[in-house]
């Protein structure tokens, strides 16, 4: 015989007051809708009519997908890479993916579009990178060798040990390090941890001035300034303009590009070439004089 007696109310304390009725609460699973979800009906309308208005509406719904992809990629890039630039480039990849997408294949559009959006962003970053890919590869190879030797030795490796690990000569190592060092750009406004108290400070506050004010030093600075005037005069007209706008007018590369009606990446290339020329002329001059 099955006991059908209800449980005692004493086991389940309730608030004082009249009982109106027993309410049953149901837990309904909530489906999270992504901001770029597009219904099958909308795709059917696009396949049927294909009007520019429907196409624009669908593309607008997938713009948050581009922002999502660009935001995730931006976490692995330097701070100099702006999120807005990644999103603009990603939208180009979105438009190309939309034009090549075939809904009849049974693949969701976002699954098809995400690799194309990532590819468009990476292609644009490679095009803007003024450092040759071979130099980037060389830098990664040196970093891996440094990390491997540091783990093995428990200290920073000597240059002879690093050259032996890379299977190159000391002379070749020095040349490789010179190439790699020119690719590193640091922001003085970047917040870093100070070594003595592990406190976050701007990098510029950790830069120490080791120069000493002496008569000889002032003479050398004056000589360098005089030679720089001559060296800058040897640059091309376009290089002189970029140097003047960047260092004297203190314009950004983007603002210089607007003044000269060229792209920001082109300004960066001209600036890099001009600085390398000036650096080479200074080295040659002062190597000859002592």
C-alpha atoms as a PDB file:
ATOM      1  CA  UNK A   1       0.000   0.000   0.000  1.00  0.00           C
ATOM      2  CA  UNK A   2       1.402   3.364  -1.050  1.00  0.00           C
ATOM      3  CA  UNK A   3       1.384   6.113   1.545  1.00  0.00           C
ATOM      4  CA  UNK A   4      -0.105   9.242  -0.024  1.00  0.00           C
ATOM      5  CA  UNK A   5       0.053  11.403   3.106  1.00  0.00           C
ATOM      6  CA  UNK A   6       1.459  14.836   2.377  1.00  0.00           C
ATOM      7  CA  UNK A   7       4.562  16.042   4.163  1.00  0.00           C
ATOM      8  CA  UNK A   8       4.091  17.928   7.388  1.00  0.00           C
ATOM      9  CA  UNK A   9       3.939  21.721   6.920  1.00  0.00           C
ATOM     10  CA  UNK A  10       6.247  22.124   9.927  1.00  0.00           C
ATOM     11  CA  UNK A  11       9.179  20.951   7.837  1.00  0.00           C
ATOM     12  CA  UNK A  12       8.715  23.803   5.401  1.00  0.00           C
ATOM     13  CA  UNK A  13       8.583  27.121   7.292  1.00  0.00           C
ATOM     14  CA  UNK A  14       6.595  29.829   5.588  1.00  0.00           C
ATOM     15  CA  UNK A  15       5.818  33.414   6.251  1.00  0.00           C
ATOM     16  CA  UNK A  16       2.891  34.367   8.456  1.00  0.00           C
ATOM     17  CA  UNK A  17      -0.307  35.419   6.775  1.00  0.00           C
ATOM     18  CA  UNK A  18      -3.166  33.851   4.871  1.00  0.00           C
ATOM     19  CA  UNK A  19      -2.312  31.338   2.183  1.00  0.00           C
ATOM     20  CA  UNK A  20      -3.951  32.376  -1.052  1.00  0.00           C
ATOM     21  CA  UNK A  21      -2.777  29.511  -3.196  1.00  0.00           C
ATOM     22  CA  UNK A  22       0.172  27.369  -4.062  1.00  0.00           C
ATOM     23  CA  UNK A  23       2.322  28.763  -6.876  1.00  0.00           C
ATOM     24  CA  UNK A  24       4.525  26.503  -8.934  1.00  0.00           C
ATOM     25  CA  UNK A  25       7.711  28.063 -10.281  1.00  0.00           C
ATOM     26  CA  UNK A  26       9.019  26.646 -13.538  1.00  0.00           C
ATOM     27  CA  UNK A  27      12.645  27.075 -14.579  1.00  0.00           C
ATOM     28  CA  UNK A  28      12.649  27.886 -18.285  1.00  0.00           C
ATOM     29  CA  UNK A  29      16.041  27.758 -20.025  1.00  0.00           C
ATOM     30  CA  UNK A  30      16.873  31.125 -21.553  1.00  0.00           C
ATOM     31  CA  UNK A  31      18.518  31.062 -24.947  1.00  0.00           C
ATOM     32  CA  UNK A  32      21.129  33.762 -25.344  1.00  0.00           C
ATOM     33  CA  UNK A  33      20.655  35.490 -28.650  1.00  0.00           C
ATOM     34  CA  UNK A  34      23.775  36.852 -30.260  1.00  0.00           C
ATOM     35  CA  UNK A  35      23.585  40.362 -31.624  1.00  0.00           C
ATOM     36  CA  UNK A  36      24.430  39.120 -35.107  1.00  0.00           C
ATOM     37  CA  UNK A  37      21.823  36.339 -35.237  1.00  0.00           C
ATOM     38  CA  UNK A  38      19.942  36.483 -38.551  1.00  0.00           C
ATOM     39  CA  UNK A  39      16.844  34.390 -39.105  1.00  0.00           C
ATOM     40  CA  UNK A  40      16.452  31.926 -41.937  1.00  0.00           C
ATOM     41  CA  UNK A  41      13.510  33.985 -43.134  1.00  0.00           C
ATOM     42  CA  UNK A  42      15.777  36.993 -43.722  1.00  0.00           C
ATOM     43  CA  UNK A  43      18.213  34.897 -45.728  1.00  0.00           C
ATOM     44  CA  UNK A  44      15.303  33.461 -47.722  1.00  0.00           C
ATOM     45  CA  UNK A  45      14.122  36.982 -48.533  1.00  0.00           C
ATOM     46  CA  UNK A  46      17.623  37.939 -49.647  1.00  0.00           C
ATOM     47  CA  UNK A  47      17.943  34.869 -51.876  1.00  0.00           C
ATOM     48  CA  UNK A  48      14.536  35.562 -53.372  1.00  0.00           C
ATOM     49  CA  UNK A  49      14.718  39.303 -53.946  1.00  0.00           C
ATOM     50  CA  UNK A  50      18.398  40.270 -53.473  1.00  0.00           C
ATOM     51  CA  UNK A  51      17.677  43.980 -53.179  1.00  0.00           C
ATOM     52  CA  UNK A  52      20.401  46.389 -51.966  1.00  0.00           C
ATOM     53  CA  UNK A  53      18.193  47.321 -49.018  1.00  0.00           C
ATOM     54  CA  UNK A  54      17.989  43.731 -47.747  1.00  0.00           C
ATOM     55  CA  UNK A  55      21.730  43.255 -48.338  1.00  0.00           C
ATOM     56  CA  UNK A  56      22.552  46.402 -46.367  1.00  0.00           C
ATOM     57  CA  UNK A  57      20.260  45.318 -43.535  1.00  0.00           C
ATOM     58  CA  UNK A  58      21.936  41.903 -43.270  1.00  0.00           C
ATOM     59  CA  UNK A  59      25.428  43.400 -43.374  1.00  0.00           C
ATOM     60  CA  UNK A  60      24.500  45.864 -40.631  1.00  0.00           C
ATOM     61  CA  UNK A  61      23.383  42.994 -38.413  1.00  0.00           C
ATOM     62  CA  UNK A  62      26.775  41.292 -38.823  1.00  0.00           C
ATOM     63  CA  UNK A  63      28.849  44.382 -37.937  1.00  0.00           C
ATOM     64  CA  UNK A  64      28.868  43.364 -34.210  1.00  0.00           C
ATOM     65  CA  UNK A  65      30.449  40.081 -35.337  1.00  0.00           C
ATOM     66  CA  UNK A  66      33.314  42.092 -36.853  1.00  0.00           C
ATOM     67  CA  UNK A  67      33.701  44.050 -33.604  1.00  0.00           C
ATOM     68  CA  UNK A  68      33.788  40.778 -31.646  1.00  0.00           C
ATOM     69  CA  UNK A  69      36.519  39.294 -33.861  1.00  0.00           C
ATOM     70  CA  UNK A  70      38.569  42.513 -33.899  1.00  0.00           C
ATOM     71  CA  UNK A  71      38.356  42.918 -30.103  1.00  0.00           C
ATOM     72  CA  UNK A  72      39.654  39.405 -29.535  1.00  0.00           C
ATOM     73  CA  UNK A  73      42.525  39.929 -31.974  1.00  0.00           C
ATOM     74  CA  UNK A  74      43.414  43.335 -30.512  1.00  0.00           C
ATOM     75  CA  UNK A  75      44.340  41.719 -27.184  1.00  0.00           C
ATOM     76  CA  UNK A  76      47.393  40.159 -28.860  1.00  0.00           C
ATOM     77  CA  UNK A  77      48.534  43.313 -30.665  1.00  0.00           C
ATOM     78  CA  UNK A  78      50.565  46.293 -29.401  1.00  0.00           C
ATOM     79  CA  UNK A  79      48.700  49.314 -28.053  1.00  0.00           C
ATOM     80  CA  UNK A  80      49.716  51.290 -31.121  1.00  0.00           C
ATOM     81  CA  UNK A  81      47.221  49.215 -33.140  1.00  0.00           C
ATOM     82  CA  UNK A  82      43.849  50.925 -32.771  1.00  0.00           C
ATOM     83  CA  UNK A  83      40.689  48.853 -32.457  1.00  0.00           C
ATOM     84  CA  UNK A  84      38.776  51.159 -34.811  1.00  0.00           C
ATOM     85  CA  UNK A  85      41.294  50.459 -37.595  1.00  0.00           C
ATOM     86  CA  UNK A  86      40.905  46.702 -37.071  1.00  0.00           C
ATOM     87  CA  UNK A  87      37.110  47.006 -37.217  1.00  0.00           C
ATOM     88  CA  UNK A  88      37.205  49.061 -40.431  1.00  0.00           C
ATOM     89  CA  UNK A  89      39.455  46.486 -42.070  1.00  0.00           C
ATOM     90  CA  UNK A  90      37.296  43.650 -40.748  1.00  0.00           C
ATOM     91  CA  UNK A  91      34.212  45.195 -42.344  1.00  0.00           C
ATOM     92  CA  UNK A  92      35.954  44.930 -45.711  1.00  0.00           C
ATOM     93  CA  UNK A  93      36.487  41.219 -45.048  1.00  0.00           C
ATOM     94  CA  UNK A  94      32.816  40.933 -44.035  1.00  0.00           C
ATOM     95  CA  UNK A  95      31.648  42.469 -47.309  1.00  0.00           C
ATOM     96  CA  UNK A  96      33.895  40.138 -49.328  1.00  0.00           C
ATOM     97  CA  UNK A  97      32.669  37.113 -47.372  1.00  0.00           C
ATOM     98  CA  UNK A  98      29.054  38.175 -47.892  1.00  0.00           C
ATOM     99  CA  UNK A  99      29.591  38.441 -51.635  1.00  0.00           C
ATOM    100  CA  UNK A 100      31.149  34.960 -51.866  1.00  0.00           C
ATOM    101  CA  UNK A 101      28.813  33.184 -49.420  1.00  0.00           C
ATOM    102  CA  UNK A 102      26.539  30.431 -50.723  1.00  0.00           C
ATOM    103  CA  UNK A 103      23.655  29.774 -48.282  1.00  0.00           C
ATOM    104  CA  UNK A 104      22.718  26.547 -50.090  1.00  0.00           C
ATOM    105  CA  UNK A 105      25.818  24.775 -48.738  1.00  0.00           C
ATOM    106  CA  UNK A 106      24.261  24.490 -45.289  1.00  0.00           C
ATOM    107  CA  UNK A 107      26.991  26.434 -43.472  1.00  0.00           C
ATOM    108  CA  UNK A 108      26.127  29.305 -41.135  1.00  0.00           C
ATOM    109  CA  UNK A 109      27.323  32.647 -42.428  1.00  0.00           C
ATOM    110  CA  UNK A 110      29.263  33.547 -39.260  1.00  0.00           C
ATOM    111  CA  UNK A 111      31.174  30.243 -39.503  1.00  0.00           C
ATOM    112  CA  UNK A 112      32.134  31.149 -43.053  1.00  0.00           C
ATOM    113  CA  UNK A 113      32.804  34.832 -42.374  1.00  0.00           C
ATOM    114  CA  UNK A 114      35.006  34.744 -39.251  1.00  0.00           C
ATOM    115  CA  UNK A 115      38.134  33.307 -40.995  1.00  0.00           C
ATOM    116  CA  UNK A 116      37.700  35.851 -43.823  1.00  0.00           C
ATOM    117  CA  UNK A 117      37.403  38.735 -41.352  1.00  0.00           C
ATOM    118  CA  UNK A 118      40.524  37.576 -39.481  1.00  0.00           C
ATOM    119  CA  UNK A 119      42.386  37.129 -42.754  1.00  0.00           C
ATOM    120  CA  UNK A 120      41.517  40.626 -43.946  1.00  0.00           C
ATOM    121  CA  UNK A 121      42.758  42.133 -40.672  1.00  0.00           C
ATOM    122  CA  UNK A 122      46.017  40.165 -40.729  1.00  0.00           C
ATOM    123  CA  UNK A 123      46.658  41.004 -44.395  1.00  0.00           C
ATOM    124  CA  UNK A 124      46.229  44.709 -43.673  1.00  0.00           C
ATOM    125  CA  UNK A 125      48.568  44.570 -40.666  1.00  0.00           C
ATOM    126  CA  UNK A 126      51.230  42.799 -42.742  1.00  0.00           C
ATOM    127  CA  UNK A 127      50.878  45.452 -45.432  1.00  0.00           C
ATOM    128  CA  UNK A 128      51.327  48.240 -42.860  1.00  0.00           C
ATOM    129  CA  UNK A 129      54.322  46.592 -41.182  1.00  0.00           C
ATOM    130  CA  UNK A 130      57.478  48.406 -42.310  1.00  0.00           C
ATOM    131  CA  UNK A 131      59.683  45.621 -40.936  1.00  0.00           C
ATOM    132  CA  UNK A 132      60.509  42.826 -43.427  1.00  0.00           C
ATOM    133  CA  UNK A 133      59.004  39.437 -42.582  1.00  0.00           C
ATOM    134  CA  UNK A 134      62.494  37.896 -42.598  1.00  0.00           C
ATOM    135  CA  UNK A 135      63.530  40.290 -39.811  1.00  0.00           C
ATOM    136  CA  UNK A 136      60.429  39.406 -37.799  1.00  0.00           C
ATOM    137  CA  UNK A 137      61.245  35.705 -38.221  1.00  0.00           C
ATOM    138  CA  UNK A 138      64.839  36.360 -37.143  1.00  0.00           C
ATOM    139  CA  UNK A 139      63.625  38.161 -34.018  1.00  0.00           C
ATOM    140  CA  UNK A 140      61.369  35.231 -33.073  1.00  0.00           C
ATOM    141  CA  UNK A 141      64.261  32.795 -33.599  1.00  0.00           C
ATOM    142  CA  UNK A 142      66.541  34.823 -31.308  1.00  0.00           C
ATOM    143  CA  UNK A 143      63.812  35.088 -28.657  1.00  0.00           C
ATOM    144  CA  UNK A 144      63.272  31.305 -28.687  1.00  0.00           C
ATOM    145  CA  UNK A 145      67.012  30.660 -28.391  1.00  0.00           C
ATOM    146  CA  UNK A 146      67.312  33.158 -25.511  1.00  0.00           C
ATOM    147  CA  UNK A 147      64.396  31.559 -23.632  1.00  0.00           C
ATOM    148  CA  UNK A 148      65.757  28.042 -24.180  1.00  0.00           C
ATOM    149  CA  UNK A 149      69.248  28.927 -22.931  1.00  0.00           C
ATOM    150  CA  UNK A 150      67.893  30.881 -19.952  1.00  0.00           C
ATOM    151  CA  UNK A 151      65.832  27.869 -18.855  1.00  0.00           C
ATOM    152  CA  UNK A 152      68.796  25.563 -19.337  1.00  0.00           C
ATOM    153  CA  UNK A 153      71.463  27.746 -17.694  1.00  0.00           C
ATOM    154  CA  UNK A 154      69.335  29.520 -15.090  1.00  0.00           C
ATOM    155  CA  UNK A 155      70.758  32.877 -16.181  1.00  0.00           C
ATOM    156  CA  UNK A 156      70.956  35.138 -19.184  1.00  0.00           C
ATOM    157  CA  UNK A 157      73.182  33.553 -21.835  1.00  0.00           C
ATOM    158  CA  UNK A 158      76.400  35.130 -23.046  1.00  0.00           C
ATOM    159  CA  UNK A 159      76.616  36.224 -26.653  1.00  0.00           C
ATOM    160  CA  UNK A 160      79.008  33.398 -27.454  1.00  0.00           C
ATOM    161  CA  UNK A 161      76.506  30.887 -26.054  1.00  0.00           C
ATOM    162  CA  UNK A 162      73.680  32.487 -27.993  1.00  0.00           C
ATOM    163  CA  UNK A 163      75.689  32.427 -31.217  1.00  0.00           C
ATOM    164  CA  UNK A 164      76.514  28.742 -30.644  1.00  0.00           C
ATOM    165  CA  UNK A 165      72.832  27.956 -30.067  1.00  0.00           C
ATOM    166  CA  UNK A 166      71.862  29.765 -33.285  1.00  0.00           C
ATOM    167  CA  UNK A 167      74.797  28.161 -35.146  1.00  0.00           C
ATOM    168  CA  UNK A 168      76.127  31.497 -36.387  1.00  0.00           C
ATOM    169  CA  UNK A 169      79.284  33.527 -35.790  1.00  0.00           C
ATOM    170  CA  UNK A 170      79.585  36.386 -33.294  1.00  0.00           C
ATOM    171  CA  UNK A 171      79.771  38.855 -36.163  1.00  0.00           C
ATOM    172  CA  UNK A 172      76.558  37.492 -37.670  1.00  0.00           C
ATOM    173  CA  UNK A 173      74.897  37.627 -34.247  1.00  0.00           C
ATOM    174  CA  UNK A 174      75.803  41.293 -33.805  1.00  0.00           C
ATOM    175  CA  UNK A 175      74.401  42.082 -37.247  1.00  0.00           C
ATOM    176  CA  UNK A 176      71.200  40.172 -36.452  1.00  0.00           C
ATOM    177  CA  UNK A 177      70.797  41.972 -33.110  1.00  0.00           C
ATOM    178  CA  UNK A 178      71.260  45.347 -34.836  1.00  0.00           C
ATOM    179  CA  UNK A 179      68.523  44.439 -37.318  1.00  0.00           C
ATOM    180  CA  UNK A 180      66.164  43.205 -34.619  1.00  0.00           C
ATOM    181  CA  UNK A 181      66.733  46.140 -32.241  1.00  0.00           C
ATOM    182  CA  UNK A 182      65.574  48.613 -34.882  1.00  0.00           C
ATOM    183  CA  UNK A 183      62.166  46.902 -35.027  1.00  0.00           C
ATOM    184  CA  UNK A 184      61.313  47.505 -31.362  1.00  0.00           C
ATOM    185  CA  UNK A 185      59.269  50.619 -30.661  1.00  0.00           C
ATOM    186  CA  UNK A 186      58.420  51.520 -27.069  1.00  0.00           C
ATOM    187  CA  UNK A 187      55.859  54.038 -25.889  1.00  0.00           C
ATOM    188  CA  UNK A 188      57.025  56.351 -23.107  1.00  0.00           C
ATOM    189  CA  UNK A 189      53.392  56.693 -21.999  1.00  0.00           C
ATOM    190  CA  UNK A 190      52.990  52.925 -21.503  1.00  0.00           C
ATOM    191  CA  UNK A 191      52.322  51.935 -17.886  1.00  0.00           C
ATOM    192  CA  UNK A 192      54.864  49.400 -16.554  1.00  0.00           C
ATOM    193  CA  UNK A 193      55.896  47.960 -13.183  1.00  0.00           C
ATOM    194  CA  UNK A 194      58.856  49.627 -11.511  1.00  0.00           C
ATOM    195  CA  UNK A 195      61.540  47.215 -10.327  1.00  0.00           C
ATOM    196  CA  UNK A 196      62.177  48.620  -6.855  1.00  0.00           C
ATOM    197  CA  UNK A 197      58.632  48.707  -5.462  1.00  0.00           C
ATOM    198  CA  UNK A 198      56.620  46.920  -8.215  1.00  0.00           C
ATOM    199  CA  UNK A 199      54.413  50.001  -8.587  1.00  0.00           C
ATOM    200  CA  UNK A 200      52.751  50.891 -11.879  1.00  0.00           C
ATOM    201  CA  UNK A 201      54.229  54.037 -13.412  1.00  0.00           C
ATOM    202  CA  UNK A 202      54.565  55.465 -16.938  1.00  0.00           C
ATOM    203  CA  UNK A 203      57.705  54.253 -18.670  1.00  0.00           C
ATOM    204  CA  UNK A 204      59.008  57.811 -18.989  1.00  0.00           C
ATOM    205  CA  UNK A 205      59.371  58.004 -15.190  1.00  0.00           C
ATOM    206  CA  UNK A 206      61.794  55.065 -15.228  1.00  0.00           C
ATOM    207  CA  UNK A 207      64.108  56.645 -17.817  1.00  0.00           C
ATOM    208  CA  UNK A 208      67.235  57.923 -16.106  1.00  0.00           C
ATOM    209  CA  UNK A 209      69.369  60.757 -17.421  1.00  0.00           C
ATOM    210  CA  UNK A 210      72.953  59.555 -17.457  1.00  0.00           C
ATOM    211  CA  UNK A 211      74.308  62.540 -19.354  1.00  0.00           C
ATOM    212  CA  UNK A 212      76.769  64.750 -17.597  1.00  0.00           C
ATOM    213  CA  UNK A 213      77.033  68.459 -18.332  1.00  0.00           C
ATOM    214  CA  UNK A 214      80.582  69.134 -19.414  1.00  0.00           C
ATOM    215  CA  UNK A 215      82.302  71.507 -21.802  1.00  0.00           C
ATOM    216  CA  UNK A 216      83.350  68.604 -24.028  1.00  0.00           C
ATOM    217  CA  UNK A 217      79.807  67.266 -24.075  1.00  0.00           C
ATOM    218  CA  UNK A 218      78.399  70.648 -25.062  1.00  0.00           C
ATOM    219  CA  UNK A 219      80.955  70.922 -27.865  1.00  0.00           C
ATOM    220  CA  UNK A 220      80.026  67.474 -29.146  1.00  0.00           C
ATOM    221  CA  UNK A 221      76.303  68.329 -29.034  1.00  0.00           C
ATOM    222  CA  UNK A 222      76.906  71.537 -30.953  1.00  0.00           C
ATOM    223  CA  UNK A 223      78.912  69.686 -33.566  1.00  0.00           C
ATOM    224  CA  UNK A 224      76.172  67.072 -33.877  1.00  0.00           C
ATOM    225  CA  UNK A 225      73.485  69.733 -34.302  1.00  0.00           C
ATOM    226  CA  UNK A 226      75.513  71.490 -36.976  1.00  0.00           C
ATOM    227  CA  UNK A 227      76.022  68.252 -38.876  1.00  0.00           C
ATOM    228  CA  UNK A 228      72.338  67.320 -38.590  1.00  0.00           C
ATOM    229  CA  UNK A 229      71.449  70.543 -40.398  1.00  0.00           C
ATOM    230  CA  UNK A 230      73.726  69.481 -43.236  1.00  0.00           C
ATOM    231  CA  UNK A 231      72.465  65.893 -43.159  1.00  0.00           C
ATOM    232  CA  UNK A 232      68.792  66.903 -43.259  1.00  0.00           C
ATOM    233  CA  UNK A 233      69.537  69.112 -46.247  1.00  0.00           C
ATOM    234  CA  UNK A 234      70.683  65.969 -48.105  1.00  0.00           C
ATOM    235  CA  UNK A 235      67.296  64.306 -47.728  1.00  0.00           C
ATOM    236  CA  UNK A 236      64.636  64.384 -50.407  1.00  0.00           C
ATOM    237  CA  UNK A 237      61.966  67.084 -50.344  1.00  0.00           C
ATOM    238  CA  UNK A 238      59.336  64.605 -49.132  1.00  0.00           C
ATOM    239  CA  UNK A 239      61.609  63.272 -46.360  1.00  0.00           C
ATOM    240  CA  UNK A 240      62.442  66.816 -45.192  1.00  0.00           C
ATOM    241  CA  UNK A 241      58.737  67.644 -44.956  1.00  0.00           C
ATOM    242  CA  UNK A 242      57.959  64.539 -42.880  1.00  0.00           C
ATOM    243  CA  UNK A 243      60.883  65.227 -40.503  1.00  0.00           C
ATOM    244  CA  UNK A 244      59.832  68.869 -40.101  1.00  0.00           C
ATOM    245  CA  UNK A 245      56.161  68.079 -39.478  1.00  0.00           C
ATOM    246  CA  UNK A 246      56.916  65.213 -37.081  1.00  0.00           C
ATOM    247  CA  UNK A 247      59.735  66.674 -34.957  1.00  0.00           C
ATOM    248  CA  UNK A 248      59.199  70.449 -35.224  1.00  0.00           C
ATOM    249  CA  UNK A 249      55.428  70.802 -35.705  1.00  0.00           C
ATOM    250  CA  UNK A 250      54.815  67.688 -33.531  1.00  0.00           C
ATOM    251  CA  UNK A 251      52.116  66.279 -35.779  1.00  0.00           C
ATOM    252  CA  UNK A 252      51.140  62.614 -35.639  1.00  0.00           C
ATOM    253  CA  UNK A 253      51.739  60.296 -38.597  1.00  0.00           C
ATOM    254  CA  UNK A 254      48.010  60.349 -39.316  1.00  0.00           C
ATOM    255  CA  UNK A 255      47.911  64.164 -39.346  1.00  0.00           C
ATOM    256  CA  UNK A 256      50.998  64.286 -41.590  1.00  0.00           C
ATOM    257  CA  UNK A 257      49.264  61.907 -43.991  1.00  0.00           C
ATOM    258  CA  UNK A 258      46.275  64.262 -44.179  1.00  0.00           C
ATOM    259  CA  UNK A 259      48.567  67.244 -44.863  1.00  0.00           C
ATOM    260  CA  UNK A 260      50.505  65.402 -47.587  1.00  0.00           C
ATOM    261  CA  UNK A 261      47.437  63.550 -48.962  1.00  0.00           C
ATOM    262  CA  UNK A 262      49.034  60.136 -48.495  1.00  0.00           C
ATOM    263  CA  UNK A 263      48.290  57.160 -46.249  1.00  0.00           C
ATOM    264  CA  UNK A 264      49.563  56.857 -42.671  1.00  0.00           C
ATOM    265  CA  UNK A 265      51.553  53.729 -43.584  1.00  0.00           C
ATOM    266  CA  UNK A 266      53.285  55.636 -46.407  1.00  0.00           C
ATOM    267  CA  UNK A 267      54.225  58.417 -43.959  1.00  0.00           C
ATOM    268  CA  UNK A 268      55.665  55.776 -41.620  1.00  0.00           C
ATOM    269  CA  UNK A 269      57.774  54.349 -44.447  1.00  0.00           C
ATOM    270  CA  UNK A 270      59.105  57.801 -45.420  1.00  0.00           C
ATOM    271  CA  UNK A 271      59.869  58.625 -41.768  1.00  0.00           C
ATOM    272  CA  UNK A 272      61.723  55.334 -41.249  1.00  0.00           C
ATOM    273  CA  UNK A 273      63.754  55.803 -44.424  1.00  0.00           C
ATOM    274  CA  UNK A 274      64.692  59.370 -43.475  1.00  0.00           C
ATOM    275  CA  UNK A 275      65.771  58.387 -39.952  1.00  0.00           C
ATOM    276  CA  UNK A 276      67.867  55.500 -41.293  1.00  0.00           C
ATOM    277  CA  UNK A 277      69.578  57.862 -43.745  1.00  0.00           C
ATOM    278  CA  UNK A 278      70.331  60.392 -41.006  1.00  0.00           C
ATOM    279  CA  UNK A 279      71.591  57.665 -38.676  1.00  0.00           C
ATOM    280  CA  UNK A 280      73.907  56.318 -41.396  1.00  0.00           C
ATOM    281  CA  UNK A 281      75.297  59.770 -42.207  1.00  0.00           C
ATOM    282  CA  UNK A 282      75.927  60.521 -38.520  1.00  0.00           C
ATOM    283  CA  UNK A 283      77.700  57.188 -37.985  1.00  0.00           C
ATOM    284  CA  UNK A 284      79.832  57.714 -41.067  1.00  0.00           C
ATOM    285  CA  UNK A 285      80.722  61.264 -40.106  1.00  0.00           C
ATOM    286  CA  UNK A 286      81.719  60.593 -36.516  1.00  0.00           C
ATOM    287  CA  UNK A 287      83.448  57.327 -37.330  1.00  0.00           C
ATOM    288  CA  UNK A 288      85.706  59.238 -39.704  1.00  0.00           C
ATOM    289  CA  UNK A 289      86.446  61.951 -37.154  1.00  0.00           C
ATOM    290  CA  UNK A 290      87.296  59.739 -34.316  1.00  0.00           C
END
